Amino acid sequence: MSAILDLPTAQAPPMIVNLPCEKIILRNVAWTTYENLIAEQPEVAGLHFYYNDGDLEIMTESYKHGKISSLLELIVVGLADELDIDFVPAGETTFKKKEEKKGFEGDGSFYFENAAKVRAKNEIDLAKDPPPELIIEVDITNPSLPKFPIFAGIGVAEVWRYDGMEVKFYRLRENGEYTESVESVCLPRVKSAAVTRLLEASFELTRKELLKKIKQSIEE
């Protein structure tokens, strides 16, 4: 269940403790209100905030959503290991840029090219640190705040998006727009169709069996 609320411009939304639905979208939310919300509720597990120039989506993560996110993260890790590509997982870290008025917690995030730059860090500050190169987005509920403008404003190079049917790869272009890509930029040789098959298979496989299947997909 989802809901959309338009707030008076001068009115800040109330503290969100228990959402009345799986997802709520608030309009006319000040940046300071967004920052206060994520600062005051850091311990709420499975709560995601997406902010785009006054629009704020707050989502509670369902079991299905969390399960798919975790499986996709495992697939990324397995593929990177098989390809011998260095990476740093950033999980559901909050990434935000005040000057762009954009912020989000992804369903999974990874550093590859900039892994060495963030490996020893305990916090990420986009004013001086690079953004993650790869974001996982699981979007299986509607309505939903468009996420690509947020990711583009932050500077995420690649998005793996699962819409409930398949995984698609999107690459950030120089014009600030994302276009669909058959092959991953961060994990060369990996194709979206192969990741979709791995995800579908993962629903019935043990972790060990999935890792074996990931290895076989690279060898094919």
N, C-alpha and C. Protein backbone atom coordinates (compact mmCIF):
# COMPACT_ATOMS: atom_id res chain seq x y z
N MET A 1 0.85 -1.19 0.00
CA MET A 1 0.00 0.00 0.00
C MET A 1 0.88 1.24 0.00
N SER A 2 0.50 2.24 -0.82
CA SER A 2 1.28 3.47 -0.92
C SER A 2 0.38 4.67 -0.80
N ALA A 3 1.00 5.84 -0.54
CA ALA A 3 0.23 7.07 -0.42
C ALA A 3 1.08 8.24 -0.84
N ILE A 4 0.43 9.31 -1.35
CA ILE A 4 1.11 10.55 -1.71
C ILE A 4 0.43 11.69 -0.97
N LEU A 5 1.24 12.53 -0.30
CA LEU A 5 0.70 13.64 0.46
C LEU A 5 1.37 14.93 0.02
N ASP A 6 0.57 15.97 -0.24
CA ASP A 6 1.09 17.29 -0.54
C ASP A 6 1.03 18.11 0.74
N LEU A 7 2.19 18.57 1.21
CA LEU A 7 2.25 19.36 2.43
C LEU A 7 2.32 20.84 2.10
N PRO A 8 1.75 21.69 2.97
CA PRO A 8 1.95 23.13 2.78
C PRO A 8 3.44 23.42 2.80
N THR A 9 3.87 24.36 1.97
CA THR A 9 5.29 24.64 1.82
C THR A 9 5.98 24.93 3.14
N ALA A 10 5.32 25.63 4.04
CA ALA A 10 5.93 26.03 5.29
C ALA A 10 5.83 24.96 6.37
N GLN A 11 5.15 23.88 6.08
CA GLN A 11 4.92 22.86 7.10
C GLN A 11 5.86 21.69 6.95
N ALA A 12 6.52 21.33 8.01
CA ALA A 12 7.42 20.17 8.00
C ALA A 12 6.61 18.92 8.30
N PRO A 13 6.96 17.78 7.71
CA PRO A 13 6.25 16.55 7.99
C PRO A 13 6.51 16.08 9.41
N PRO A 14 5.59 15.34 10.01
CA PRO A 14 5.79 14.85 11.36
C PRO A 14 6.87 13.79 11.40
N MET A 15 7.37 13.50 12.61
CA MET A 15 8.33 12.42 12.78
C MET A 15 7.69 11.11 12.33
N ILE A 16 8.41 10.38 11.48
CA ILE A 16 7.89 9.11 10.97
C ILE A 16 8.42 7.98 11.86
N VAL A 17 7.57 7.35 12.62
CA VAL A 17 7.97 6.23 13.45
C VAL A 17 7.45 4.93 12.86
N ASN A 18 6.14 4.86 12.65
CA ASN A 18 5.54 3.70 12.01
C ASN A 18 4.71 4.19 10.83
N LEU A 19 5.11 3.82 9.64
CA LEU A 19 4.36 4.25 8.46
C LEU A 19 3.01 3.54 8.40
N PRO A 20 1.95 4.24 7.98
CA PRO A 20 0.65 3.60 7.85
C PRO A 20 0.56 2.74 6.60
N CYS A 21 1.61 2.76 5.76
CA CYS A 21 1.61 1.98 4.53
C CYS A 21 3.06 1.65 4.18
N GLU A 22 3.25 0.86 3.13
CA GLU A 22 4.59 0.43 2.75
C GLU A 22 5.43 1.58 2.22
N LYS A 23 4.77 2.54 1.59
CA LYS A 23 5.50 3.66 0.98
C LYS A 23 4.65 4.92 1.05
N ILE A 24 5.30 6.04 1.37
CA ILE A 24 4.61 7.32 1.39
C ILE A 24 5.49 8.36 0.69
N ILE A 25 4.89 9.19 -0.14
CA ILE A 25 5.61 10.25 -0.84
C ILE A 25 5.08 11.59 -0.36
N LEU A 26 5.98 12.43 0.16
CA LEU A 26 5.63 13.75 0.67
C LEU A 26 6.16 14.82 -0.27
N ARG A 27 5.34 15.82 -0.54
CA ARG A 27 5.75 16.94 -1.39
C ARG A 27 6.06 18.16 -0.53
N ASN A 28 6.85 19.09 -1.07
CA ASN A 28 7.17 20.35 -0.40
C ASN A 28 7.90 20.14 0.92
N VAL A 29 8.85 19.23 0.94
CA VAL A 29 9.62 18.95 2.14
C VAL A 29 10.95 19.71 2.08
N ALA A 30 11.25 20.49 3.10
CA ALA A 30 12.50 21.27 3.13
C ALA A 30 13.70 20.34 3.31
N TRP A 31 14.85 20.77 2.77
CA TRP A 31 16.07 19.97 2.90
C TRP A 31 16.42 19.72 4.37
N THR A 32 16.25 20.75 5.21
CA THR A 32 16.57 20.60 6.64
C THR A 32 15.68 19.54 7.29
N THR A 33 14.43 19.46 6.85
CA THR A 33 13.52 18.45 7.39
C THR A 33 13.99 17.05 7.00
N TYR A 34 14.39 16.91 5.74
CA TYR A 34 14.93 15.63 5.27
C TYR A 34 16.15 15.22 6.09
N GLU A 35 17.07 16.16 6.30
CA GLU A 35 18.27 15.84 7.07
C GLU A 35 17.95 15.49 8.51
N ASN A 36 16.97 16.18 9.09
CA ASN A 36 16.57 15.88 10.46
C ASN A 36 15.97 14.48 10.58
N LEU A 37 15.17 14.11 9.59
CA LEU A 37 14.54 12.79 9.62
C LEU A 37 15.58 11.67 9.58
N ILE A 38 16.54 11.77 8.68
CA ILE A 38 17.53 10.70 8.58
C ILE A 38 18.51 10.73 9.75
N ALA A 39 18.68 11.90 10.37
CA ALA A 39 19.59 12.00 11.52
C ALA A 39 18.93 11.45 12.78
N GLU A 40 17.63 11.65 12.92
CA GLU A 40 16.93 11.27 14.14
C GLU A 40 16.45 9.82 14.13
N GLN A 41 16.50 9.16 12.96
CA GLN A 41 16.04 7.78 12.91
C GLN A 41 17.06 6.86 12.26
N PRO A 42 18.31 6.93 12.69
CA PRO A 42 19.34 6.10 12.06
C PRO A 42 19.24 4.62 12.39
N GLU A 43 18.50 4.30 13.45
CA GLU A 43 18.45 2.91 13.89
C GLU A 43 17.23 2.15 13.39
N VAL A 44 16.39 2.81 12.61
CA VAL A 44 15.17 2.15 12.12
C VAL A 44 15.54 1.25 10.94
N ALA A 45 15.55 -0.04 11.18
CA ALA A 45 15.95 -0.98 10.14
C ALA A 45 14.92 -1.05 9.02
N GLY A 46 15.40 -1.13 7.78
CA GLY A 46 14.51 -1.30 6.65
C GLY A 46 13.74 -0.06 6.26
N LEU A 47 14.18 1.11 6.72
CA LEU A 47 13.51 2.36 6.37
C LEU A 47 14.39 3.13 5.40
N HIS A 48 13.85 3.42 4.21
CA HIS A 48 14.62 4.09 3.17
C HIS A 48 14.04 5.47 2.88
N PHE A 49 14.94 6.46 2.72
CA PHE A 49 14.54 7.83 2.38
C PHE A 49 15.15 8.20 1.02
N TYR A 50 14.30 8.72 0.13
CA TYR A 50 14.77 9.23 -1.16
C TYR A 50 14.30 10.67 -1.28
N TYR A 51 15.22 11.59 -1.54
CA TYR A 51 14.86 13.01 -1.60
C TYR A 51 15.28 13.61 -2.93
N ASN A 52 14.36 14.34 -3.55
CA ASN A 52 14.66 15.00 -4.82
C ASN A 52 13.98 16.37 -4.87
N ASP A 53 14.75 17.39 -4.50
CA ASP A 53 14.30 18.78 -4.64
C ASP A 53 12.90 19.01 -4.07
N GLY A 54 12.69 18.61 -2.84
CA GLY A 54 11.41 18.87 -2.17
C GLY A 54 10.48 17.67 -2.09
N ASP A 55 10.71 16.68 -2.93
CA ASP A 55 9.90 15.45 -2.89
C ASP A 55 10.64 14.40 -2.05
N LEU A 56 9.93 13.82 -1.09
CA LEU A 56 10.54 12.84 -0.20
C LEU A 56 9.72 11.55 -0.19
N GLU A 57 10.38 10.45 -0.53
CA GLU A 57 9.76 9.14 -0.44
C GLU A 57 10.33 8.41 0.77
N ILE A 58 9.44 7.90 1.62
CA ILE A 58 9.84 7.11 2.77
C ILE A 58 9.24 5.73 2.59
N MET A 59 10.09 4.72 2.61
CA MET A 59 9.64 3.37 2.31
C MET A 59 10.08 2.40 3.40
N THR A 60 9.16 1.55 3.83
CA THR A 60 9.51 0.46 4.72
C THR A 60 9.80 -0.76 3.86
N GLU A 61 10.88 -1.43 4.16
CA GLU A 61 11.32 -2.56 3.35
C GLU A 61 10.57 -3.84 3.72
N SER A 62 9.85 -4.41 2.78
CA SER A 62 9.15 -5.67 3.01
C SER A 62 10.15 -6.82 3.00
N TYR A 63 9.72 -7.98 3.46
CA TYR A 63 10.58 -9.16 3.44
C TYR A 63 11.01 -9.48 2.00
N LYS A 64 10.06 -9.41 1.07
CA LYS A 64 10.36 -9.71 -0.33
C LYS A 64 11.39 -8.74 -0.88
N HIS A 65 11.20 -7.46 -0.59
CA HIS A 65 12.12 -6.43 -1.07
C HIS A 65 13.52 -6.68 -0.53
N GLY A 66 13.60 -6.91 0.79
CA GLY A 66 14.90 -7.14 1.41
C GLY A 66 15.57 -8.39 0.91
N LYS A 67 14.78 -9.44 0.67
CA LYS A 67 15.33 -10.69 0.17
C LYS A 67 15.95 -10.51 -1.21
N ILE A 68 15.24 -9.83 -2.10
CA ILE A 68 15.75 -9.61 -3.45
C ILE A 68 17.00 -8.73 -3.42
N SER A 69 16.98 -7.70 -2.59
CA SER A 69 18.14 -6.81 -2.48
C SER A 69 19.37 -7.59 -2.02
N SER A 70 19.19 -8.43 -1.01
CA SER A 70 20.31 -9.21 -0.47
C SER A 70 20.85 -10.19 -1.51
N LEU A 71 19.95 -10.81 -2.28
CA LEU A 71 20.39 -11.75 -3.30
C LEU A 71 21.16 -11.05 -4.41
N LEU A 72 20.70 -9.87 -4.80
CA LEU A 72 21.41 -9.12 -5.84
C LEU A 72 22.78 -8.67 -5.34
N GLU A 73 22.86 -8.28 -4.08
CA GLU A 73 24.16 -7.92 -3.51
C GLU A 73 25.10 -9.12 -3.53
N LEU A 74 24.58 -10.29 -3.17
CA LEU A 74 25.40 -11.51 -3.19
C LEU A 74 25.86 -11.83 -4.60
N ILE A 75 25.00 -11.61 -5.57
CA ILE A 75 25.37 -11.85 -6.97
C ILE A 75 26.48 -10.90 -7.41
N VAL A 76 26.38 -9.63 -7.02
CA VAL A 76 27.43 -8.67 -7.36
C VAL A 76 28.76 -9.10 -6.74
N VAL A 77 28.73 -9.46 -5.46
CA VAL A 77 29.94 -9.88 -4.76
C VAL A 77 30.54 -11.13 -5.41
N GLY A 78 29.68 -12.11 -5.72
CA GLY A 78 30.15 -13.34 -6.35
C GLY A 78 30.76 -13.09 -7.71
N LEU A 79 30.14 -12.25 -8.50
CA LEU A 79 30.66 -11.93 -9.84
C LEU A 79 32.00 -11.20 -9.75
N ALA A 80 32.07 -10.22 -8.83
CA ALA A 80 33.31 -9.45 -8.68
C ALA A 80 34.46 -10.37 -8.25
N ASP A 81 34.17 -11.28 -7.34
CA ASP A 81 35.20 -12.22 -6.89
C ASP A 81 35.67 -13.11 -8.04
N GLU A 82 34.73 -13.62 -8.83
CA GLU A 82 35.10 -14.50 -9.94
C GLU A 82 35.89 -13.76 -11.01
N LEU A 83 35.59 -12.48 -11.18
CA LEU A 83 36.29 -11.67 -12.18
C LEU A 83 37.56 -11.04 -11.62
N ASP A 84 37.82 -11.29 -10.32
CA ASP A 84 38.99 -10.74 -9.65
C ASP A 84 39.02 -9.22 -9.73
N ILE A 85 37.86 -8.61 -9.45
CA ILE A 85 37.72 -7.15 -9.47
C ILE A 85 37.59 -6.66 -8.03
N ASP A 86 38.45 -5.73 -7.65
CA ASP A 86 38.42 -5.18 -6.30
C ASP A 86 37.16 -4.34 -6.11
N PHE A 87 36.61 -4.37 -4.90
CA PHE A 87 35.41 -3.59 -4.62
C PHE A 87 35.29 -3.34 -3.12
N VAL A 88 34.48 -2.34 -2.79
CA VAL A 88 34.10 -2.07 -1.40
C VAL A 88 32.58 -1.95 -1.36
N PRO A 89 31.90 -2.81 -0.61
CA PRO A 89 30.45 -2.69 -0.50
C PRO A 89 30.09 -1.57 0.46
N ALA A 90 29.10 -0.76 0.10
CA ALA A 90 28.68 0.35 0.95
C ALA A 90 27.26 0.15 1.47
N GLY A 91 26.66 -1.00 1.16
CA GLY A 91 25.36 -1.35 1.71
C GLY A 91 24.28 -0.31 1.44
N GLU A 92 23.55 0.06 2.51
CA GLU A 92 22.46 1.01 2.41
C GLU A 92 22.86 2.37 2.96
N THR A 93 24.12 2.75 2.73
CA THR A 93 24.64 4.04 3.17
C THR A 93 23.78 5.19 2.64
N THR A 94 23.62 6.23 3.45
CA THR A 94 22.92 7.43 2.99
C THR A 94 23.89 8.30 2.20
N PHE A 95 23.56 8.55 0.94
CA PHE A 95 24.35 9.44 0.09
C PHE A 95 23.51 10.67 -0.18
N LYS A 96 24.06 11.87 0.09
CA LYS A 96 23.28 13.08 -0.13
C LYS A 96 24.19 14.25 -0.53
N LYS A 97 23.61 15.13 -1.36
CA LYS A 97 24.31 16.34 -1.80
C LYS A 97 23.37 17.52 -1.60
N LYS A 98 23.73 18.37 -0.67
CA LYS A 98 22.87 19.52 -0.36
C LYS A 98 22.73 20.45 -1.55
N GLU A 99 23.85 20.69 -2.25
CA GLU A 99 23.81 21.63 -3.38
C GLU A 99 22.92 21.12 -4.51
N GLU A 100 22.77 19.83 -4.62
CA GLU A 100 21.90 19.25 -5.65
C GLU A 100 20.49 18.98 -5.13
N LYS A 101 20.32 19.09 -3.82
CA LYS A 101 19.04 18.79 -3.15
C LYS A 101 18.58 17.38 -3.48
N LYS A 102 19.51 16.44 -3.34
CA LYS A 102 19.21 15.04 -3.64
C LYS A 102 19.87 14.14 -2.60
N GLY A 103 19.18 13.04 -2.27
CA GLY A 103 19.75 12.09 -1.33
C GLY A 103 19.01 10.77 -1.40
N PHE A 104 19.68 9.70 -0.99
CA PHE A 104 19.04 8.38 -1.03
C PHE A 104 19.80 7.37 -0.19
N GLU A 105 19.14 6.28 0.16
CA GLU A 105 19.76 5.06 0.65
C GLU A 105 19.41 3.98 -0.35
N GLY A 106 20.39 3.47 -1.04
CA GLY A 106 20.13 2.46 -2.05
C GLY A 106 19.84 1.11 -1.43
N ASP A 107 19.36 0.19 -2.25
CA ASP A 107 19.13 -1.18 -1.79
C ASP A 107 20.45 -1.95 -1.72
N GLY A 108 21.49 -1.36 -2.22
CA GLY A 108 22.83 -1.93 -2.20
C GLY A 108 23.72 -0.99 -2.99
N SER A 109 24.93 -0.78 -2.56
CA SER A 109 25.83 0.14 -3.28
C SER A 109 27.26 -0.37 -3.19
N PHE A 110 28.03 -0.09 -4.24
CA PHE A 110 29.39 -0.62 -4.34
C PHE A 110 30.35 0.40 -4.95
N TYR A 111 31.58 0.36 -4.44
CA TYR A 111 32.68 1.09 -5.05
C TYR A 111 33.59 0.10 -5.77
N PHE A 112 34.02 0.45 -6.96
CA PHE A 112 34.95 -0.38 -7.72
C PHE A 112 36.21 0.43 -8.05
N GLU A 113 36.11 1.33 -8.99
CA GLU A 113 37.26 2.15 -9.39
C GLU A 113 37.81 2.95 -8.22
N ASN A 114 36.92 3.41 -7.33
CA ASN A 114 37.34 4.22 -6.19
C ASN A 114 37.40 3.44 -4.88
N ALA A 115 37.47 2.12 -5.00
CA ALA A 115 37.48 1.27 -3.80
C ALA A 115 38.62 1.64 -2.85
N ALA A 116 39.80 1.86 -3.39
CA ALA A 116 40.96 2.18 -2.55
C ALA A 116 40.78 3.50 -1.80
N LYS A 117 40.02 4.43 -2.40
CA LYS A 117 39.84 5.75 -1.79
C LYS A 117 38.91 5.71 -0.58
N VAL A 118 38.02 4.73 -0.51
CA VAL A 118 37.04 4.71 0.58
C VAL A 118 37.22 3.52 1.52
N ARG A 119 38.14 2.63 1.20
CA ARG A 119 38.27 1.38 1.97
C ARG A 119 38.45 1.61 3.47
N ALA A 120 39.25 2.57 3.84
CA ALA A 120 39.55 2.79 5.26
C ALA A 120 38.58 3.74 5.95
N LYS A 121 37.61 4.26 5.21
CA LYS A 121 36.68 5.25 5.77
C LYS A 121 35.54 4.58 6.53
N ASN A 122 35.08 5.25 7.58
CA ASN A 122 33.91 4.79 8.33
C ASN A 122 32.67 5.60 7.99
N GLU A 123 32.87 6.75 7.34
CA GLU A 123 31.77 7.60 6.90
C GLU A 123 32.09 8.14 5.52
N ILE A 124 31.04 8.39 4.74
CA ILE A 124 31.20 8.95 3.40
C ILE A 124 30.60 10.34 3.37
N ASP A 125 31.39 11.31 2.95
CA ASP A 125 30.96 12.69 2.80
C ASP A 125 31.16 13.06 1.33
N LEU A 126 30.07 13.20 0.59
CA LEU A 126 30.17 13.46 -0.84
C LEU A 126 30.75 14.83 -1.17
N ALA A 127 30.94 15.66 -0.16
CA ALA A 127 31.60 16.95 -0.40
C ALA A 127 33.08 16.73 -0.69
N LYS A 128 33.61 15.58 -0.24
CA LYS A 128 35.03 15.30 -0.48
C LYS A 128 35.29 13.87 -0.95
N ASP A 129 34.31 13.00 -0.81
CA ASP A 129 34.46 11.60 -1.22
C ASP A 129 33.69 11.32 -2.50
N PRO A 130 34.13 10.34 -3.29
CA PRO A 130 33.41 10.01 -4.53
C PRO A 130 32.12 9.26 -4.24
N PRO A 131 31.16 9.32 -5.15
CA PRO A 131 29.92 8.55 -5.00
C PRO A 131 30.17 7.09 -5.35
N PRO A 132 29.28 6.19 -4.98
CA PRO A 132 29.44 4.78 -5.37
C PRO A 132 29.28 4.65 -6.88
N GLU A 133 29.96 3.67 -7.47
CA GLU A 133 29.84 3.47 -8.92
C GLU A 133 28.63 2.64 -9.31
N LEU A 134 28.19 1.77 -8.40
CA LEU A 134 27.07 0.87 -8.71
C LEU A 134 26.03 0.91 -7.61
N ILE A 135 24.77 1.06 -8.03
CA ILE A 135 23.64 1.06 -7.10
C ILE A 135 22.66 -0.02 -7.52
N ILE A 136 22.13 -0.74 -6.54
CA ILE A 136 21.05 -1.70 -6.79
C ILE A 136 19.74 -1.03 -6.41
N GLU A 137 18.76 -1.10 -7.29
CA GLU A 137 17.44 -0.55 -7.00
C GLU A 137 16.38 -1.62 -7.23
N VAL A 138 15.64 -1.93 -6.19
CA VAL A 138 14.52 -2.87 -6.29
C VAL A 138 13.26 -2.04 -6.19
N ASP A 139 12.49 -1.98 -7.27
CA ASP A 139 11.28 -1.15 -7.30
C ASP A 139 10.11 -2.01 -7.75
N ILE A 140 9.40 -2.56 -6.77
CA ILE A 140 8.28 -3.47 -7.08
C ILE A 140 6.96 -2.98 -6.51
N THR A 141 6.92 -1.70 -6.08
CA THR A 141 5.67 -1.12 -5.59
C THR A 141 5.40 0.21 -6.29
N ASN A 142 4.14 0.59 -6.37
CA ASN A 142 3.74 1.85 -6.99
C ASN A 142 2.78 2.59 -6.06
N PRO A 143 2.71 3.93 -6.13
CA PRO A 143 3.56 4.81 -6.92
C PRO A 143 4.95 4.89 -6.34
N SER A 144 5.87 5.41 -7.14
CA SER A 144 7.25 5.49 -6.68
C SER A 144 7.88 6.78 -7.19
N LEU A 145 8.69 7.40 -6.35
CA LEU A 145 9.40 8.60 -6.75
C LEU A 145 10.47 8.22 -7.78
N PRO A 146 10.55 8.90 -8.93
CA PRO A 146 11.60 8.58 -9.91
C PRO A 146 12.98 8.70 -9.27
N LYS A 147 13.75 7.63 -9.36
CA LYS A 147 15.06 7.60 -8.69
C LYS A 147 16.22 8.04 -9.58
N PHE A 148 16.10 7.88 -10.88
CA PHE A 148 17.23 8.18 -11.76
C PHE A 148 17.73 9.63 -11.64
N PRO A 149 16.84 10.63 -11.54
CA PRO A 149 17.35 12.00 -11.35
C PRO A 149 18.16 12.14 -10.06
N ILE A 150 17.79 11.38 -9.04
CA ILE A 150 18.53 11.42 -7.78
C ILE A 150 19.91 10.80 -7.97
N PHE A 151 19.94 9.60 -8.55
CA PHE A 151 21.22 8.92 -8.78
C PHE A 151 22.14 9.74 -9.67
N ALA A 152 21.57 10.36 -10.71
CA ALA A 152 22.37 11.18 -11.63
C ALA A 152 22.94 12.39 -10.92
N GLY A 153 22.13 13.03 -10.07
CA GLY A 153 22.60 14.20 -9.33
C GLY A 153 23.72 13.86 -8.38
N ILE A 154 23.70 12.64 -7.84
CA ILE A 154 24.76 12.19 -6.94
C ILE A 154 26.00 11.77 -7.74
N GLY A 155 25.78 11.30 -8.99
CA GLY A 155 26.89 10.90 -9.85
C GLY A 155 27.14 9.41 -9.89
N VAL A 156 26.10 8.59 -9.67
CA VAL A 156 26.23 7.14 -9.72
C VAL A 156 26.40 6.69 -11.17
N ALA A 157 27.48 5.98 -11.46
CA ALA A 157 27.81 5.62 -12.84
C ALA A 157 26.89 4.54 -13.41
N GLU A 158 26.41 3.63 -12.55
CA GLU A 158 25.64 2.49 -13.06
C GLU A 158 24.55 2.08 -12.06
N VAL A 159 23.38 1.73 -12.59
CA VAL A 159 22.26 1.28 -11.77
C VAL A 159 21.79 -0.08 -12.25
N TRP A 160 21.65 -1.04 -11.33
CA TRP A 160 21.01 -2.31 -11.63
C TRP A 160 19.61 -2.24 -11.04
N ARG A 161 18.61 -2.23 -11.90
CA ARG A 161 17.23 -2.04 -11.45
C ARG A 161 16.40 -3.30 -11.68
N TYR A 162 15.74 -3.76 -10.61
CA TYR A 162 14.84 -4.91 -10.71
C TYR A 162 13.41 -4.43 -10.53
N ASP A 163 12.56 -4.72 -11.51
CA ASP A 163 11.18 -4.21 -11.49
C ASP A 163 10.15 -5.29 -11.16
N GLY A 164 10.62 -6.43 -10.67
CA GLY A 164 9.72 -7.53 -10.37
C GLY A 164 9.69 -8.58 -11.46
N MET A 165 10.25 -8.25 -12.61
CA MET A 165 10.28 -9.17 -13.74
C MET A 165 11.70 -9.49 -14.19
N GLU A 166 12.53 -8.45 -14.30
CA GLU A 166 13.89 -8.64 -14.78
C GLU A 166 14.82 -7.57 -14.24
N VAL A 167 16.10 -7.87 -14.32
CA VAL A 167 17.14 -6.91 -13.93
C VAL A 167 17.63 -6.20 -15.18
N LYS A 168 17.64 -4.87 -15.14
CA LYS A 168 18.15 -4.10 -16.26
C LYS A 168 19.29 -3.22 -15.78
N PHE A 169 20.29 -3.04 -16.65
CA PHE A 169 21.43 -2.18 -16.35
C PHE A 169 21.23 -0.82 -17.00
N TYR A 170 21.62 0.22 -16.28
CA TYR A 170 21.54 1.58 -16.81
C TYR A 170 22.86 2.29 -16.56
N ARG A 171 23.35 2.97 -17.60
CA ARG A 171 24.64 3.65 -17.56
C ARG A 171 24.44 5.16 -17.64
N LEU A 172 25.14 5.90 -16.77
CA LEU A 172 25.04 7.36 -16.77
C LEU A 172 25.88 7.93 -17.90
N ARG A 173 25.24 8.75 -18.73
CA ARG A 173 25.94 9.37 -19.86
C ARG A 173 26.40 10.78 -19.51
N GLU A 174 27.19 11.37 -20.39
CA GLU A 174 27.73 12.70 -20.15
C GLU A 174 26.66 13.77 -20.07
N ASN A 175 25.49 13.52 -20.68
CA ASN A 175 24.40 14.49 -20.64
C ASN A 175 23.58 14.40 -19.36
N GLY A 176 24.00 13.53 -18.43
CA GLY A 176 23.29 13.42 -17.16
C GLY A 176 22.09 12.50 -17.19
N GLU A 177 21.90 11.77 -18.30
CA GLU A 177 20.78 10.85 -18.43
C GLU A 177 21.28 9.41 -18.40
N TYR A 178 20.40 8.52 -17.95
CA TYR A 178 20.72 7.10 -17.96
C TYR A 178 20.14 6.44 -19.20
N THR A 179 20.92 5.57 -19.81
CA THR A 179 20.43 4.76 -20.92
C THR A 179 20.66 3.29 -20.59
N GLU A 180 19.77 2.44 -21.06
CA GLU A 180 19.89 1.02 -20.77
C GLU A 180 21.13 0.45 -21.46
N SER A 181 21.80 -0.45 -20.77
CA SER A 181 23.00 -1.08 -21.29
C SER A 181 22.90 -2.59 -21.09
N VAL A 182 23.22 -3.35 -22.10
CA VAL A 182 23.16 -4.81 -22.00
C VAL A 182 24.26 -5.34 -21.09
N GLU A 183 25.44 -4.71 -21.13
CA GLU A 183 26.58 -5.18 -20.35
C GLU A 183 26.96 -4.19 -19.27
N SER A 184 27.41 -4.70 -18.14
CA SER A 184 27.80 -3.86 -17.01
C SER A 184 29.09 -3.11 -17.30
N VAL A 185 29.18 -1.88 -16.79
CA VAL A 185 30.40 -1.10 -16.88
C VAL A 185 31.34 -1.50 -15.74
N CYS A 186 30.79 -1.65 -14.56
CA CYS A 186 31.60 -1.96 -13.38
C CYS A 186 32.12 -3.40 -13.40
N LEU A 187 31.33 -4.31 -13.98
CA LEU A 187 31.71 -5.72 -14.05
C LEU A 187 31.70 -6.16 -15.52
N PRO A 188 32.75 -5.87 -16.24
CA PRO A 188 32.83 -6.22 -17.67
C PRO A 188 32.56 -7.70 -17.91
N ARG A 189 31.87 -7.97 -19.03
CA ARG A 189 31.47 -9.32 -19.45
C ARG A 189 30.17 -9.78 -18.81
N VAL A 190 29.71 -9.07 -17.78
CA VAL A 190 28.46 -9.45 -17.12
C VAL A 190 27.29 -8.79 -17.82
N LYS A 191 26.31 -9.59 -18.24
CA LYS A 191 25.14 -9.07 -18.96
C LYS A 191 23.90 -9.13 -18.09
N SER A 192 22.98 -8.20 -18.34
CA SER A 192 21.76 -8.09 -17.52
C SER A 192 20.91 -9.35 -17.60
N ALA A 193 20.83 -9.98 -18.78
CA ALA A 193 20.03 -11.19 -18.93
C ALA A 193 20.59 -12.31 -18.05
N ALA A 194 21.92 -12.39 -17.93
CA ALA A 194 22.55 -13.41 -17.10
C ALA A 194 22.26 -13.16 -15.62
N VAL A 195 22.27 -11.89 -15.21
CA VAL A 195 21.96 -11.56 -13.81
C VAL A 195 20.50 -11.87 -13.50
N THR A 196 19.62 -11.61 -14.45
CA THR A 196 18.20 -11.95 -14.26
C THR A 196 18.05 -13.45 -14.04
N ARG A 197 18.75 -14.25 -14.84
CA ARG A 197 18.68 -15.71 -14.68
C ARG A 197 19.24 -16.14 -13.33
N LEU A 198 20.34 -15.52 -12.92
CA LEU A 198 20.92 -15.85 -11.62
C LEU A 198 19.97 -15.51 -10.49
N LEU A 199 19.32 -14.36 -10.59
CA LEU A 199 18.37 -13.95 -9.54
C LEU A 199 17.19 -14.92 -9.48
N GLU A 200 16.65 -15.28 -10.63
CA GLU A 200 15.53 -16.22 -10.66
C GLU A 200 15.93 -17.56 -10.06
N ALA A 201 17.14 -18.03 -10.37
CA ALA A 201 17.62 -19.31 -9.84
C ALA A 201 17.87 -19.22 -8.34
N SER A 202 18.28 -18.05 -7.86
CA SER A 202 18.66 -17.89 -6.45
C SER A 202 17.51 -18.11 -5.48
N PHE A 203 16.26 -17.97 -5.97
CA PHE A 203 15.10 -18.15 -5.09
C PHE A 203 14.98 -19.58 -4.57
N GLU A 204 15.64 -20.52 -5.25
CA GLU A 204 15.53 -21.93 -4.86
C GLU A 204 16.88 -22.57 -4.56
N LEU A 205 17.94 -21.76 -4.53
CA LEU A 205 19.28 -22.30 -4.31
C LEU A 205 19.83 -21.91 -2.93
N THR A 206 20.70 -22.75 -2.39
CA THR A 206 21.44 -22.37 -1.20
C THR A 206 22.51 -21.37 -1.62
N ARG A 207 23.12 -20.71 -0.65
CA ARG A 207 24.18 -19.75 -0.94
C ARG A 207 25.32 -20.43 -1.69
N LYS A 208 25.70 -21.61 -1.24
CA LYS A 208 26.79 -22.34 -1.87
C LYS A 208 26.45 -22.70 -3.31
N GLU A 209 25.22 -23.12 -3.54
CA GLU A 209 24.79 -23.48 -4.90
C GLU A 209 24.75 -22.25 -5.80
N LEU A 210 24.33 -21.12 -5.24
CA LEU A 210 24.28 -19.89 -6.03
C LEU A 210 25.68 -19.44 -6.43
N LEU A 211 26.62 -19.48 -5.49
CA LEU A 211 27.99 -19.08 -5.80
C LEU A 211 28.59 -19.98 -6.89
N LYS A 212 28.24 -21.26 -6.85
CA LYS A 212 28.71 -22.18 -7.88
C LYS A 212 28.11 -21.82 -9.24
N LYS A 213 26.84 -21.44 -9.23
CA LYS A 213 26.17 -21.06 -10.48
C LYS A 213 26.74 -19.75 -11.02
N ILE A 214 27.12 -18.84 -10.12
CA ILE A 214 27.74 -17.59 -10.54
C ILE A 214 29.07 -17.88 -11.24
N LYS A 215 29.84 -18.79 -10.67
CA LYS A 215 31.12 -19.17 -11.28
C LYS A 215 30.90 -19.77 -12.66
N GLN A 216 29.89 -20.61 -12.80
CA GLN A 216 29.61 -21.23 -14.09
C GLN A 216 29.19 -20.19 -15.11
N SER A 217 28.45 -19.15 -14.67
CA SER A 217 28.00 -18.11 -15.61
C SER A 217 29.17 -17.34 -16.20
N ILE A 218 30.24 -17.19 -15.41
CA ILE A 218 31.44 -16.48 -15.88
C ILE A 218 32.23 -17.36 -16.85
N GLU A 219 32.22 -18.66 -16.61
CA GLU A 219 33.00 -19.58 -17.43
C GLU A 219 32.33 -19.87 -18.77
N GLU A 220 31.02 -19.60 -18.87
CA GLU A 220 30.29 -19.90 -20.11
C GLU A 220 30.72 -19.00 -21.25
